[in-house]
Amino acid sequence: MYAISLGEDGAELRPLEPWQAEEFLAHIDRGREFIAQHVPLADLVTDLASSRAYLQSYADRTLADTGRIHGIWWNGALVGGIVIPAMDLARGTAEVGCWLEPSAAGRGLVTRAARLVIDWAVEQRGIHRVEWHVSSENEPSIAVARRLGMTRDGVLRESYPYRGKRQDIEIWSVLAPEWRAAAEGPAGPPTANADQIPASPTPRRGARRTLRLPAPSPAPGTRETNWMKPATPRDKVPRQKVSSPHTRGWFPSCRWRPSPVVVVPAHAGVVRASGYRRKTHRRRPRTRGGGSIPRLARARGRASSPHTRGSSAPLPRPRPRPG
């Protein structure tokens, strides 16, 4: 039986075989409540017979080359394990899982062991896609998937019942090209004690995300202002005139505008305010005798007229009444 070192702390990765059923059962009994929170292994291994049957099932998978099981030894004791419950060489897919005693948690043992198993599956067995199935409530296992460089593909909502409650299962995966690129990157693989590094929380579904856009460049002829803030008195620009259907011409806008206003050509019949009253234009009196009499009317002896467009013909002289 071979053993692979996991670091300088003496941790090792070894295959688990049916003849180790007693040690395996003692290990499950030490961490049964802790393991049973998210992993059904504690419910499957309850006595020596079930322990031997569980290990024998993986011995058969090893013989058929469809699965593997390895234990993690630390300080001479079995404290956890890494399992490949399914491996399809024809399709190039495999699934990896884990469990651990509470006394060995937080030491990076699972991350180091899983990295060796995934590297073996990718490089020696030709697996293209490695999956990690984990309950949405199992935060430590999700953190391991992140440290392994996996991507969260999705969630199987209420996938299966476990201890009276239906569980949501998250699917994480890593592809062979991604695994090799991460191993050959300038930063290298994660450190051995990567389990002690807190992982960033996963954004919850429906969370608001802030999108920051670059500030637009100011238009020609305008001064640059802070476009992310409301207009202040210092940012105001002079009022701009806009066209109006009003018969008396144009009128100034009623509010401040942060940018120049595009003047639209006036509609038919609209007269500009600057051209409505010219200096040479003389208004006609609106009532008889009101205002000044135009020079033309005065020269011809015509009286003023109530008509708004000027004077009318001279009025007839009254005839004398008879005797």
C-alpha atoms as a PDB file:
ATOM      1  CA  MET A   1       0.000   0.000   0.000  1.00  0.00           C
ATOM      2  CA  TYR A   2       1.374   3.375  -0.980  1.00  0.00           C
ATOM      3  CA  ALA A   3       1.291   6.651   0.959  1.00  0.00           C
ATOM      4  CA  ILE A   4       1.642  10.188  -0.468  1.00  0.00           C
ATOM      5  CA  SER A   5       2.883  13.008   1.748  1.00  0.00           C
ATOM      6  CA  LEU A   6       0.640  16.077   2.015  1.00  0.00           C
ATOM      7  CA  GLY A   7       3.182  18.392   3.616  1.00  0.00           C
ATOM      8  CA  GLU A   8       5.687  18.906   6.353  1.00  0.00           C
ATOM      9  CA  ASP A   9       3.119  18.358   9.118  1.00  0.00           C
ATOM     10  CA  GLY A  10       3.232  14.578   8.557  1.00  0.00           C
ATOM     11  CA  ALA A  11      -0.175  14.284   6.850  1.00  0.00           C
ATOM     12  CA  GLU A  12      -0.462  11.474   4.289  1.00  0.00           C
ATOM     13  CA  LEU A  13      -2.916  10.288   1.659  1.00  0.00           C
ATOM     14  CA  ARG A  14      -3.462   6.521   1.493  1.00  0.00           C
ATOM     15  CA  PRO A  15      -6.015   4.255  -0.202  1.00  0.00           C
ATOM     16  CA  LEU A  16      -8.771   2.833   1.993  1.00  0.00           C
ATOM     17  CA  GLU A  17      -9.393  -0.918   1.663  1.00  0.00           C
ATOM     18  CA  PRO A  18     -11.950  -3.322   3.198  1.00  0.00           C
ATOM     19  CA  TRP A  19      -9.449  -4.777   5.707  1.00  0.00           C
ATOM     20  CA  GLN A  20      -9.344  -1.294   7.352  1.00  0.00           C
ATOM     21  CA  ALA A  21     -13.056  -1.419   8.244  1.00  0.00           C
ATOM     22  CA  GLU A  22     -12.463  -1.230  12.025  1.00  0.00           C
ATOM     23  CA  GLU A  23     -10.234   1.846  11.811  1.00  0.00           C
ATOM     24  CA  PHE A  24     -12.670   3.411   9.377  1.00  0.00           C
ATOM     25  CA  LEU A  25     -15.635   2.815  11.725  1.00  0.00           C
ATOM     26  CA  ALA A  26     -13.738   4.280  14.696  1.00  0.00           C
ATOM     27  CA  HIS A  27     -12.955   7.355  12.622  1.00  0.00           C
ATOM     28  CA  ILE A  28     -16.639   7.818  11.671  1.00  0.00           C
ATOM     29  CA  ASP A  29     -17.718   7.406  15.307  1.00  0.00           C
ATOM     30  CA  ARG A  30     -15.355  10.202  16.433  1.00  0.00           C
ATOM     31  CA  GLY A  31     -16.831  12.731  14.033  1.00  0.00           C
ATOM     32  CA  ARG A  32     -20.286  11.279  13.347  1.00  0.00           C
ATOM     33  CA  GLU A  33     -22.328  14.341  14.313  1.00  0.00           C
ATOM     34  CA  PHE A  34     -19.963  16.750  12.583  1.00  0.00           C
ATOM     35  CA  ILE A  35     -19.817  14.702   9.373  1.00  0.00           C
ATOM     36  CA  ALA A  36     -23.560  14.018   9.338  1.00  0.00           C
ATOM     37  CA  GLN A  37     -24.390  17.733   9.048  1.00  0.00           C
ATOM     38  CA  HIS A  38     -23.970  17.661   5.261  1.00  0.00           C
ATOM     39  CA  VAL A  39     -22.555  14.238   4.268  1.00  0.00           C
ATOM     40  CA  PRO A  40     -24.739  11.098   4.371  1.00  0.00           C
ATOM     41  CA  LEU A  41     -21.675   8.929   5.012  1.00  0.00           C
ATOM     42  CA  ALA A  42     -22.383   8.912   8.757  1.00  0.00           C
ATOM     43  CA  ASP A  43     -25.792   7.340   8.140  1.00  0.00           C
ATOM     44  CA  LEU A  44     -24.361   4.668   5.829  1.00  0.00           C
ATOM     45  CA  VAL A  45     -21.572   3.482   8.154  1.00  0.00           C
ATOM     46  CA  THR A  46     -23.102   2.522  11.498  1.00  0.00           C
ATOM     47  CA  ASP A  47     -21.422  -0.779  12.405  1.00  0.00           C
ATOM     48  CA  LEU A  48     -18.556  -3.010  11.338  1.00  0.00           C
ATOM     49  CA  ALA A  49     -20.557  -4.797   8.661  1.00  0.00           C
ATOM     50  CA  SER A  50     -21.729  -1.601   7.031  1.00  0.00           C
ATOM     51  CA  SER A  51     -18.200  -0.181   7.261  1.00  0.00           C
ATOM     52  CA  ARG A  52     -16.755  -3.215   5.482  1.00  0.00           C
ATOM     53  CA  ALA A  53     -19.546  -3.160   2.871  1.00  0.00           C
ATOM     54  CA  TYR A  54     -18.938   0.520   2.147  1.00  0.00           C
ATOM     55  CA  LEU A  55     -15.222   0.022   1.600  1.00  0.00           C
ATOM     56  CA  GLN A  56     -15.873  -3.097  -0.485  1.00  0.00           C
ATOM     57  CA  SER A  57     -18.144  -1.130  -2.817  1.00  0.00           C
ATOM     58  CA  TYR A  58     -15.285   1.228  -3.583  1.00  0.00           C
ATOM     59  CA  ALA A  59     -12.894  -1.682  -3.985  1.00  0.00           C
ATOM     60  CA  ASP A  60     -15.194  -2.936  -6.731  1.00  0.00           C
ATOM     61  CA  ARG A  61     -15.248   0.528  -8.343  1.00  0.00           C
ATOM     62  CA  THR A  62     -11.479   0.642  -8.224  1.00  0.00           C
ATOM     63  CA  LEU A  63     -11.323  -2.714  -9.992  1.00  0.00           C
ATOM     64  CA  ALA A  64     -13.775  -1.443 -12.637  1.00  0.00           C
ATOM     65  CA  ASP A  65     -11.893   1.868 -12.852  1.00  0.00           C
ATOM     66  CA  THR A  66     -15.063   3.840 -12.108  1.00  0.00           C
ATOM     67  CA  GLY A  67     -14.190   5.275  -8.685  1.00  0.00           C
ATOM     68  CA  ARG A  68     -11.596   5.672  -5.914  1.00  0.00           C
ATOM     69  CA  ILE A  69     -11.468   6.230  -2.159  1.00  0.00           C
ATOM     70  CA  HIS A  70      -8.500   7.541  -0.145  1.00  0.00           C
ATOM     71  CA  GLY A  71      -8.066   8.359   3.510  1.00  0.00           C
ATOM     72  CA  ILE A  72      -6.223  11.276   5.116  1.00  0.00           C
ATOM     73  CA  TRP A  73      -3.920  10.352   7.993  1.00  0.00           C
ATOM     74  CA  TRP A  74      -2.619  13.011  10.341  1.00  0.00           C
ATOM     75  CA  ASN A  75      -0.475  12.292  13.403  1.00  0.00           C
ATOM     76  CA  GLY A  76      -0.902   8.584  12.750  1.00  0.00           C
ATOM     77  CA  ALA A  77      -4.718   8.641  12.834  1.00  0.00           C
ATOM     78  CA  LEU A  78      -7.359   8.547  10.127  1.00  0.00           C
ATOM     79  CA  VAL A  79      -9.072  11.966  10.200  1.00  0.00           C
ATOM     80  CA  GLY A  80     -10.803  12.308   6.802  1.00  0.00           C
ATOM     81  CA  GLY A  81     -10.962  11.163   3.215  1.00  0.00           C
ATOM     82  CA  ILE A  82     -11.274  11.987  -0.459  1.00  0.00           C
ATOM     83  CA  VAL A  83     -13.629   9.994  -2.647  1.00  0.00           C
ATOM     84  CA  ILE A  84     -14.328   9.730  -6.378  1.00  0.00           C
ATOM     85  CA  PRO A  85     -17.870   8.283  -6.400  1.00  0.00           C
ATOM     86  CA  ALA A  86     -18.184   8.397 -10.193  1.00  0.00           C
ATOM     87  CA  MET A  87     -15.619   8.401 -12.998  1.00  0.00           C
ATOM     88  CA  ASP A  88     -16.485   7.943 -16.671  1.00  0.00           C
ATOM     89  CA  LEU A  89     -13.352   7.599 -18.781  1.00  0.00           C
ATOM     90  CA  ALA A  90     -15.297   7.449 -22.035  1.00  0.00           C
ATOM     91  CA  ARG A  91     -16.948  10.807 -21.393  1.00  0.00           C
ATOM     92  CA  GLY A  92     -13.961  12.241 -19.532  1.00  0.00           C
ATOM     93  CA  THR A  93     -15.910  13.257 -16.405  1.00  0.00           C
ATOM     94  CA  ALA A  94     -15.429  12.570 -12.718  1.00  0.00           C
ATOM     95  CA  GLU A  95     -16.903  13.688  -9.390  1.00  0.00           C
ATOM     96  CA  VAL A  96     -14.851  14.366  -6.249  1.00  0.00           C
ATOM     97  CA  GLY A  97     -16.091  14.542  -2.638  1.00  0.00           C
ATOM     98  CA  CYS A  98     -14.631  14.768   0.854  1.00  0.00           C
ATOM     99  CA  TRP A  99     -15.265  14.483   4.600  1.00  0.00           C
ATOM    100  CA  LEU A 100     -13.234  15.410   7.689  1.00  0.00           C
ATOM    101  CA  GLU A 101     -13.224  15.106  11.476  1.00  0.00           C
ATOM    102  CA  PRO A 102     -13.710  18.334  13.457  1.00  0.00           C
ATOM    103  CA  SER A 103     -10.312  17.883  15.166  1.00  0.00           C
ATOM    104  CA  ALA A 104      -8.507  18.198  11.806  1.00  0.00           C
ATOM    105  CA  ALA A 105     -10.549  21.058  10.363  1.00  0.00           C
ATOM    106  CA  GLY A 106      -8.842  24.310   9.368  1.00  0.00           C
ATOM    107  CA  ARG A 107      -5.444  22.801   8.508  1.00  0.00           C
ATOM    108  CA  GLY A 108      -5.750  22.633   4.726  1.00  0.00           C
ATOM    109  CA  LEU A 109      -5.772  18.836   4.655  1.00  0.00           C
ATOM    110  CA  VAL A 110      -8.804  18.492   2.377  1.00  0.00           C
ATOM    111  CA  THR A 111      -7.526  21.083  -0.091  1.00  0.00           C
ATOM    112  CA  ARG A 112      -4.110  19.423  -0.376  1.00  0.00           C
ATOM    113  CA  ALA A 113      -5.574  15.946  -0.734  1.00  0.00           C
ATOM    114  CA  ALA A 114      -8.187  17.026  -3.290  1.00  0.00           C
ATOM    115  CA  ARG A 115      -5.510  18.752  -5.363  1.00  0.00           C
ATOM    116  CA  LEU A 116      -3.515  15.526  -5.603  1.00  0.00           C
ATOM    117  CA  VAL A 117      -6.564  13.470  -6.560  1.00  0.00           C
ATOM    118  CA  ILE A 118      -7.716  15.957  -9.219  1.00  0.00           C
ATOM    119  CA  ASP A 119      -4.218  16.204 -10.644  1.00  0.00           C
ATOM    120  CA  TRP A 120      -4.071  12.402 -10.872  1.00  0.00           C
ATOM    121  CA  ALA A 121      -7.473  12.260 -12.606  1.00  0.00           C
ATOM    122  CA  VAL A 122      -6.570  14.950 -15.136  1.00  0.00           C
ATOM    123  CA  GLU A 123      -2.983  14.054 -15.931  1.00  0.00           C
ATOM    124  CA  GLN A 124      -2.977  10.257 -15.606  1.00  0.00           C
ATOM    125  CA  ARG A 125      -6.559   9.212 -16.325  1.00  0.00           C
ATOM    126  CA  GLY A 126      -7.369  11.812 -18.995  1.00  0.00           C
ATOM    127  CA  ILE A 127     -10.390  13.328 -17.235  1.00  0.00           C
ATOM    128  CA  HIS A 128     -11.526  16.540 -18.896  1.00  0.00           C
ATOM    129  CA  ARG A 129     -14.144  17.745 -16.396  1.00  0.00           C
ATOM    130  CA  VAL A 130     -14.019  17.325 -12.602  1.00  0.00           C
ATOM    131  CA  GLU A 131     -17.168  18.147 -10.628  1.00  0.00           C
ATOM    132  CA  TRP A 132     -17.691  19.009  -6.975  1.00  0.00           C
ATOM    133  CA  HIS A 133     -21.236  18.481  -5.611  1.00  0.00           C
ATOM    134  CA  VAL A 134     -21.914  20.243  -2.319  1.00  0.00           C
ATOM    135  CA  SER A 135     -24.885  21.350  -0.261  1.00  0.00           C
ATOM    136  CA  SER A 136     -25.591  25.080  -0.363  1.00  0.00           C
ATOM    137  CA  GLU A 137     -25.348  25.151   3.443  1.00  0.00           C
ATOM    138  CA  ASN A 138     -21.911  23.487   3.554  1.00  0.00           C
ATOM    139  CA  GLU A 139     -19.746  26.620   3.562  1.00  0.00           C
ATOM    140  CA  PRO A 140     -16.395  24.881   4.346  1.00  0.00           C
ATOM    141  CA  SER A 141     -16.768  22.552   1.373  1.00  0.00           C
ATOM    142  CA  ILE A 142     -17.765  25.468  -0.904  1.00  0.00           C
ATOM    143  CA  ALA A 143     -14.635  27.295   0.245  1.00  0.00           C
ATOM    144  CA  VAL A 144     -12.528  24.294  -0.780  1.00  0.00           C
ATOM    145  CA  ALA A 145     -14.088  24.351  -4.257  1.00  0.00           C
ATOM    146  CA  ARG A 146     -13.145  28.026  -4.609  1.00  0.00           C
ATOM    147  CA  ARG A 147      -9.560  27.401  -3.532  1.00  0.00           C
ATOM    148  CA  LEU A 148      -9.286  24.598  -6.068  1.00  0.00           C
ATOM    149  CA  GLY A 149     -10.115  27.108  -8.816  1.00  0.00           C
ATOM    150  CA  MET A 150     -13.521  25.641  -9.634  1.00  0.00           C
ATOM    151  CA  THR A 151     -16.427  27.502 -11.195  1.00  0.00           C
ATOM    152  CA  ARG A 152     -19.962  27.383  -9.863  1.00  0.00           C
ATOM    153  CA  ASP A 153     -22.112  26.023 -12.695  1.00  0.00           C
ATOM    154  CA  GLY A 154     -25.491  26.191 -10.987  1.00  0.00           C
ATOM    155  CA  VAL A 155     -27.786  24.971  -8.212  1.00  0.00           C
ATOM    156  CA  LEU A 156     -30.061  21.932  -8.195  1.00  0.00           C
ATOM    157  CA  ARG A 157     -32.860  23.306  -6.045  1.00  0.00           C
ATOM    158  CA  GLU A 158     -34.259  20.858  -3.482  1.00  0.00           C
ATOM    159  CA  SER A 159     -32.470  18.073  -5.265  1.00  0.00           C
ATOM    160  CA  TYR A 160     -32.881  15.333  -2.662  1.00  0.00           C
ATOM    161  CA  PRO A 161     -34.285  14.888   0.864  1.00  0.00           C
ATOM    162  CA  TYR A 162     -31.814  14.537   3.716  1.00  0.00           C
ATOM    163  CA  ARG A 163     -32.909  14.139   7.323  1.00  0.00           C
ATOM    164  CA  GLY A 164     -36.371  15.495   6.730  1.00  0.00           C
ATOM    165  CA  LYS A 165     -35.328  18.484   4.608  1.00  0.00           C
ATOM    166  CA  ARG A 166     -34.787  18.833   0.887  1.00  0.00           C
ATOM    167  CA  GLN A 167     -31.295  20.064   0.097  1.00  0.00           C
ATOM    168  CA  ASP A 168     -30.088  22.469  -2.584  1.00  0.00           C
ATOM    169  CA  ILE A 169     -27.002  21.089  -4.319  1.00  0.00           C
ATOM    170  CA  GLU A 170     -24.435  23.400  -5.906  1.00  0.00           C
ATOM    171  CA  ILE A 171     -22.453  22.099  -8.877  1.00  0.00           C
ATOM    172  CA  TRP A 172     -18.845  23.294  -9.094  1.00  0.00           C
ATOM    173  CA  SER A 173     -16.439  22.155 -11.800  1.00  0.00           C
ATOM    174  CA  VAL A 174     -13.004  22.666 -13.281  1.00  0.00           C
ATOM    175  CA  LEU A 175     -11.856  21.731 -16.778  1.00  0.00           C
ATOM    176  CA  ALA A 176      -8.526  20.172 -17.645  1.00  0.00           C
ATOM    177  CA  PRO A 177      -7.213  23.251 -19.548  1.00  0.00           C
ATOM    178  CA  GLU A 178      -8.162  25.469 -16.604  1.00  0.00           C
ATOM    179  CA  TRP A 179      -6.469  23.121 -14.151  1.00  0.00           C
ATOM    180  CA  ARG A 180      -3.235  23.043 -16.140  1.00  0.00           C
ATOM    181  CA  ALA A 181      -3.264  26.818 -16.669  1.00  0.00           C
ATOM    182  CA  ALA A 182      -3.681  27.397 -12.924  1.00  0.00           C
ATOM    183  CA  ALA A 183      -0.829  25.010 -12.142  1.00  0.00           C
ATOM    184  CA  GLU A 184       1.478  26.705 -14.663  1.00  0.00           C
ATOM    185  CA  GLY A 185       0.488  30.261 -13.708  1.00  0.00           C
ATOM    186  CA  PRO A 186       3.029  32.769 -12.331  1.00  0.00           C
ATOM    187  CA  ALA A 187       1.481  32.599  -8.863  1.00  0.00           C
ATOM    188  CA  GLY A 188       1.609  28.787  -8.785  1.00  0.00           C
ATOM    189  CA  PRO A 189      -0.855  26.568  -6.941  1.00  0.00           C
ATOM    190  CA  PRO A 190      -2.377  27.718  -3.630  1.00  0.00           C
ATOM    191  CA  THR A 191      -0.364  27.234  -0.456  1.00  0.00           C
ATOM    192  CA  ALA A 192      -0.746  24.173   1.735  1.00  0.00           C
ATOM    193  CA  ASN A 193      -2.606  26.074   4.471  1.00  0.00           C
ATOM    194  CA  ALA A 194      -5.138  27.570   2.052  1.00  0.00           C
ATOM    195  CA  ASP A 195      -8.039  26.335   4.241  1.00  0.00           C
ATOM    196  CA  GLN A 196      -7.105  28.996   6.795  1.00  0.00           C
ATOM    197  CA  ILE A 197      -7.681  31.792   4.272  1.00  0.00           C
ATOM    198  CA  PRO A 198     -11.253  33.136   4.516  1.00  0.00           C
ATOM    199  CA  ALA A 199     -13.100  32.891   1.231  1.00  0.00           C
ATOM    200  CA  SER A 200     -15.190  35.717  -0.146  1.00  0.00           C
ATOM    201  CA  PRO A 201     -18.942  35.076   0.184  1.00  0.00           C
ATOM    202  CA  THR A 202     -20.906  33.991  -2.848  1.00  0.00           C
ATOM    203  CA  PRO A 203     -23.172  36.790  -4.146  1.00  0.00           C
ATOM    204  CA  ARG A 204     -26.736  35.920  -3.216  1.00  0.00           C
ATOM    205  CA  ARG A 205     -29.355  35.544  -5.906  1.00  0.00           C
ATOM    206  CA  GLY A 206     -30.954  38.841  -6.881  1.00  0.00           C
ATOM    207  CA  ALA A 207     -28.292  40.984  -5.207  1.00  0.00           C
ATOM    208  CA  ARG A 208     -27.898  44.488  -6.581  1.00  0.00           C
ATOM    209  CA  ARG A 209     -24.721  45.047  -8.495  1.00  0.00           C
ATOM    210  CA  THR A 210     -23.177  48.455  -9.033  1.00  0.00           C
ATOM    211  CA  LEU A 211     -22.148  49.251 -12.583  1.00  0.00           C
ATOM    212  CA  ARG A 212     -19.594  52.047 -12.891  1.00  0.00           C
ATOM    213  CA  LEU A 213     -19.423  53.764 -16.227  1.00  0.00           C
ATOM    214  CA  PRO A 214     -16.726  56.161 -17.422  1.00  0.00           C
ATOM    215  CA  ALA A 215     -17.638  59.828 -17.324  1.00  0.00           C
ATOM    216  CA  PRO A 216     -18.652  61.138 -20.752  1.00  0.00           C
ATOM    217  CA  SER A 217     -16.457  63.710 -22.418  1.00  0.00           C
ATOM    218  CA  PRO A 218     -17.906  67.232 -22.452  1.00  0.00           C
ATOM    219  CA  ALA A 219     -19.525  68.460 -25.635  1.00  0.00           C
ATOM    220  CA  PRO A 220     -17.730  71.139 -27.664  1.00  0.00           C
ATOM    221  CA  GLY A 221     -18.407  74.595 -26.329  1.00  0.00           C
ATOM    222  CA  THR A 222     -19.460  73.455 -22.846  1.00  0.00           C
ATOM    223  CA  ARG A 223     -17.594  73.243 -19.599  1.00  0.00           C
ATOM    224  CA  GLU A 224     -17.028  69.927 -17.892  1.00  0.00           C
ATOM    225  CA  THR A 225     -19.166  69.191 -14.830  1.00  0.00           C
ATOM    226  CA  ASN A 226     -19.617  66.276 -12.462  1.00  0.00           C
ATOM    227  CA  TRP A 227     -22.270  64.227 -14.239  1.00  0.00           C
ATOM    228  CA  MET A 228     -22.785  61.893 -11.271  1.00  0.00           C
ATOM    229  CA  LYS A 229     -24.106  64.724  -9.024  1.00  0.00           C
ATOM    230  CA  PRO A 230     -27.197  66.914  -9.392  1.00  0.00           C
ATOM    231  CA  ALA A 231     -26.703  70.366 -10.807  1.00  0.00           C
ATOM    232  CA  THR A 232     -25.613  73.030  -8.301  1.00  0.00           C
ATOM    233  CA  PRO A 233     -25.744  76.823  -8.713  1.00  0.00           C
ATOM    234  CA  ARG A 234     -22.119  76.788  -9.813  1.00  0.00           C
ATOM    235  CA  ASP A 235     -22.869  74.251 -12.508  1.00  0.00           C
ATOM    236  CA  LYS A 236     -25.730  76.249 -14.024  1.00  0.00           C
ATOM    237  CA  VAL A 237     -25.394  77.659 -17.486  1.00  0.00           C
ATOM    238  CA  PRO A 238     -27.199  80.697 -18.943  1.00  0.00           C
ATOM    239  CA  ARG A 239     -30.771  80.199 -19.977  1.00  0.00           C
ATOM    240  CA  GLN A 240     -31.279  79.110 -23.527  1.00  0.00           C
ATOM    241  CA  LYS A 241     -34.131  80.139 -25.777  1.00  0.00           C
ATOM    242  CA  VAL A 242     -36.249  77.497 -27.394  1.00  0.00           C
ATOM    243  CA  SER A 243     -38.828  77.789 -30.138  1.00  0.00           C
ATOM    244  CA  SER A 244     -42.466  78.138 -29.154  1.00  0.00           C
ATOM    245  CA  PRO A 245     -45.789  77.913 -31.016  1.00  0.00           C
ATOM    246  CA  HIS A 246     -46.842  81.084 -29.207  1.00  0.00           C
ATOM    247  CA  THR A 247     -47.895  83.786 -31.673  1.00  0.00           C
ATOM    248  CA  ARG A 248     -45.727  86.380 -29.998  1.00  0.00           C
ATOM    249  CA  GLY A 249     -42.514  84.526 -30.758  1.00  0.00           C
ATOM    250  CA  TRP A 250     -39.927  82.875 -28.567  1.00  0.00           C
ATOM    251  CA  PHE A 251     -39.750  82.646 -24.814  1.00  0.00           C
ATOM    252  CA  PRO A 252     -36.885  81.688 -22.466  1.00  0.00           C
ATOM    253  CA  SER A 253     -36.851  78.275 -20.859  1.00  0.00           C
ATOM    254  CA  CYS A 254     -38.330  78.011 -17.372  1.00  0.00           C
ATOM    255  CA  ARG A 255     -35.638  75.843 -15.798  1.00  0.00           C
ATOM    256  CA  TRP A 256     -31.884  75.504 -15.705  1.00  0.00           C
ATOM    257  CA  ARG A 257     -30.391  73.080 -18.186  1.00  0.00           C
ATOM    258  CA  PRO A 258     -27.041  71.372 -17.501  1.00  0.00           C
ATOM    259  CA  SER A 259     -26.227  71.297 -21.222  1.00  0.00           C
ATOM    260  CA  PRO A 260     -26.889  73.643 -24.188  1.00  0.00           C
ATOM    261  CA  VAL A 261     -30.352  73.389 -25.694  1.00  0.00           C
ATOM    262  CA  VAL A 262     -30.689  72.498 -29.339  1.00  0.00           C
ATOM    263  CA  VAL A 263     -32.868  75.160 -30.946  1.00  0.00           C
ATOM    264  CA  VAL A 264     -35.518  73.641 -33.177  1.00  0.00           C
ATOM    265  CA  PRO A 265     -36.755  75.721 -36.152  1.00  0.00           C
ATOM    266  CA  ALA A 266     -40.069  77.383 -35.426  1.00  0.00           C
ATOM    267  CA  HIS A 267     -43.235  76.098 -36.988  1.00  0.00           C
ATOM    268  CA  ALA A 268     -45.092  77.979 -39.712  1.00  0.00           C
ATOM    269  CA  GLY A 269     -46.592  81.246 -38.494  1.00  0.00           C
ATOM    270  CA  VAL A 270     -44.152  81.695 -35.624  1.00  0.00           C
ATOM    271  CA  VAL A 271     -42.416  85.091 -35.608  1.00  0.00           C
ATOM    272  CA  ARG A 272     -39.216  85.730 -33.761  1.00  0.00           C
ATOM    273  CA  ALA A 273     -39.402  88.142 -30.873  1.00  0.00           C
ATOM    274  CA  SER A 274     -36.546  90.227 -32.273  1.00  0.00           C
ATOM    275  CA  GLY A 275     -38.417  90.769 -35.551  1.00  0.00           C
ATOM    276  CA  TYR A 276     -41.893  91.381 -34.222  1.00  0.00           C
ATOM    277  CA  ARG A 277     -41.384  95.039 -33.359  1.00  0.00           C
ATOM    278  CA  ARG A 278     -38.906  96.852 -35.481  1.00  0.00           C
ATOM    279  CA  LYS A 279     -37.622 100.355 -34.781  1.00  0.00           C
ATOM    280  CA  THR A 280     -39.225 101.693 -37.967  1.00  0.00           C
ATOM    281  CA  HIS A 281     -42.627 100.246 -37.146  1.00  0.00           C
ATOM    282  CA  ARG A 282     -45.167 102.610 -35.692  1.00  0.00           C
ATOM    283  CA  ARG A 283     -48.081 101.127 -33.877  1.00  0.00           C
ATOM    284  CA  ARG A 284     -51.565 102.276 -34.909  1.00  0.00           C
ATOM    285  CA  PRO A 285     -53.920 103.620 -32.280  1.00  0.00           C
ATOM    286  CA  ARG A 286     -56.472 101.069 -31.135  1.00  0.00           C
ATOM    287  CA  THR A 287     -59.231 103.626 -30.343  1.00  0.00           C
ATOM    288  CA  ARG A 288     -60.424 106.825 -31.991  1.00  0.00           C
ATOM    289  CA  GLY A 289     -58.306 109.722 -30.853  1.00  0.00           C
ATOM    290  CA  GLY A 290     -55.999 107.517 -28.834  1.00  0.00           C
ATOM    291  CA  GLY A 291     -52.260 107.837 -29.367  1.00  0.00           C
ATOM    292  CA  SER A 292     -50.455 109.795 -32.027  1.00  0.00           C
ATOM    293  CA  ILE A 293     -51.723 110.183 -35.588  1.00  0.00           C
ATOM    294  CA  PRO A 294     -49.411 108.786 -38.258  1.00  0.00           C
ATOM    295  CA  ARG A 295     -47.721 111.302 -40.472  1.00  0.00           C
ATOM    296  CA  LEU A 296     -49.379 109.895 -43.566  1.00  0.00           C
ATOM    297  CA  ALA A 297     -52.838 110.249 -42.101  1.00  0.00           C
ATOM    298  CA  ARG A 298     -52.077 113.709 -40.805  1.00  0.00           C
ATOM    299  CA  ALA A 299     -50.788 114.837 -44.195  1.00  0.00           C
ATOM    300  CA  ARG A 300     -53.922 113.619 -46.008  1.00  0.00           C
ATOM    301  CA  GLY A 301     -56.253 115.042 -43.422  1.00  0.00           C
ATOM    302  CA  ARG A 302     -57.533 111.691 -42.309  1.00  0.00           C
ATOM    303  CA  ALA A 303     -58.634 111.073 -38.762  1.00  0.00           C
ATOM    304  CA  SER A 304     -57.570 108.228 -36.594  1.00  0.00           C
ATOM    305  CA  SER A 305     -59.459 104.984 -36.843  1.00  0.00           C
ATOM    306  CA  PRO A 306     -60.367 102.320 -34.261  1.00  0.00           C
ATOM    307  CA  HIS A 307     -59.048  99.731 -36.664  1.00  0.00           C
ATOM    308  CA  THR A 308     -55.797  98.142 -35.442  1.00  0.00           C
ATOM    309  CA  ARG A 309     -54.213  98.264 -38.878  1.00  0.00           C
ATOM    310  CA  GLY A 310     -54.296 102.050 -39.226  1.00  0.00           C
ATOM    311  CA  SER A 311     -56.578 104.927 -40.317  1.00  0.00           C
ATOM    312  CA  SER A 312     -59.655 104.741 -42.531  1.00  0.00           C
ATOM    313  CA  ALA A 313     -61.157 107.138 -45.178  1.00  0.00           C
ATOM    314  CA  PRO A 314     -62.052 110.728 -44.071  1.00  0.00           C
ATOM    315  CA  LEU A 315     -65.388 110.969 -42.327  1.00  0.00           C
ATOM    316  CA  PRO A 316     -68.219 112.867 -44.207  1.00  0.00           C
ATOM    317  CA  ARG A 317     -69.118 116.371 -42.977  1.00  0.00           C
ATOM    318  CA  PRO A 318     -72.487 116.612 -41.215  1.00  0.00           C
ATOM    319  CA  ARG A 319     -75.247 118.298 -43.284  1.00  0.00           C
ATOM    320  CA  PRO A 320     -77.051 121.302 -41.757  1.00  0.00           C
ATOM    321  CA  ARG A 321     -80.552 120.610 -40.607  1.00  0.00           C
ATOM    322  CA  PRO A 322     -83.330 122.440 -42.367  1.00  0.00           C
ATOM    323  CA  GLY A 323     -84.694 125.611 -40.785  1.00  0.00           C
END
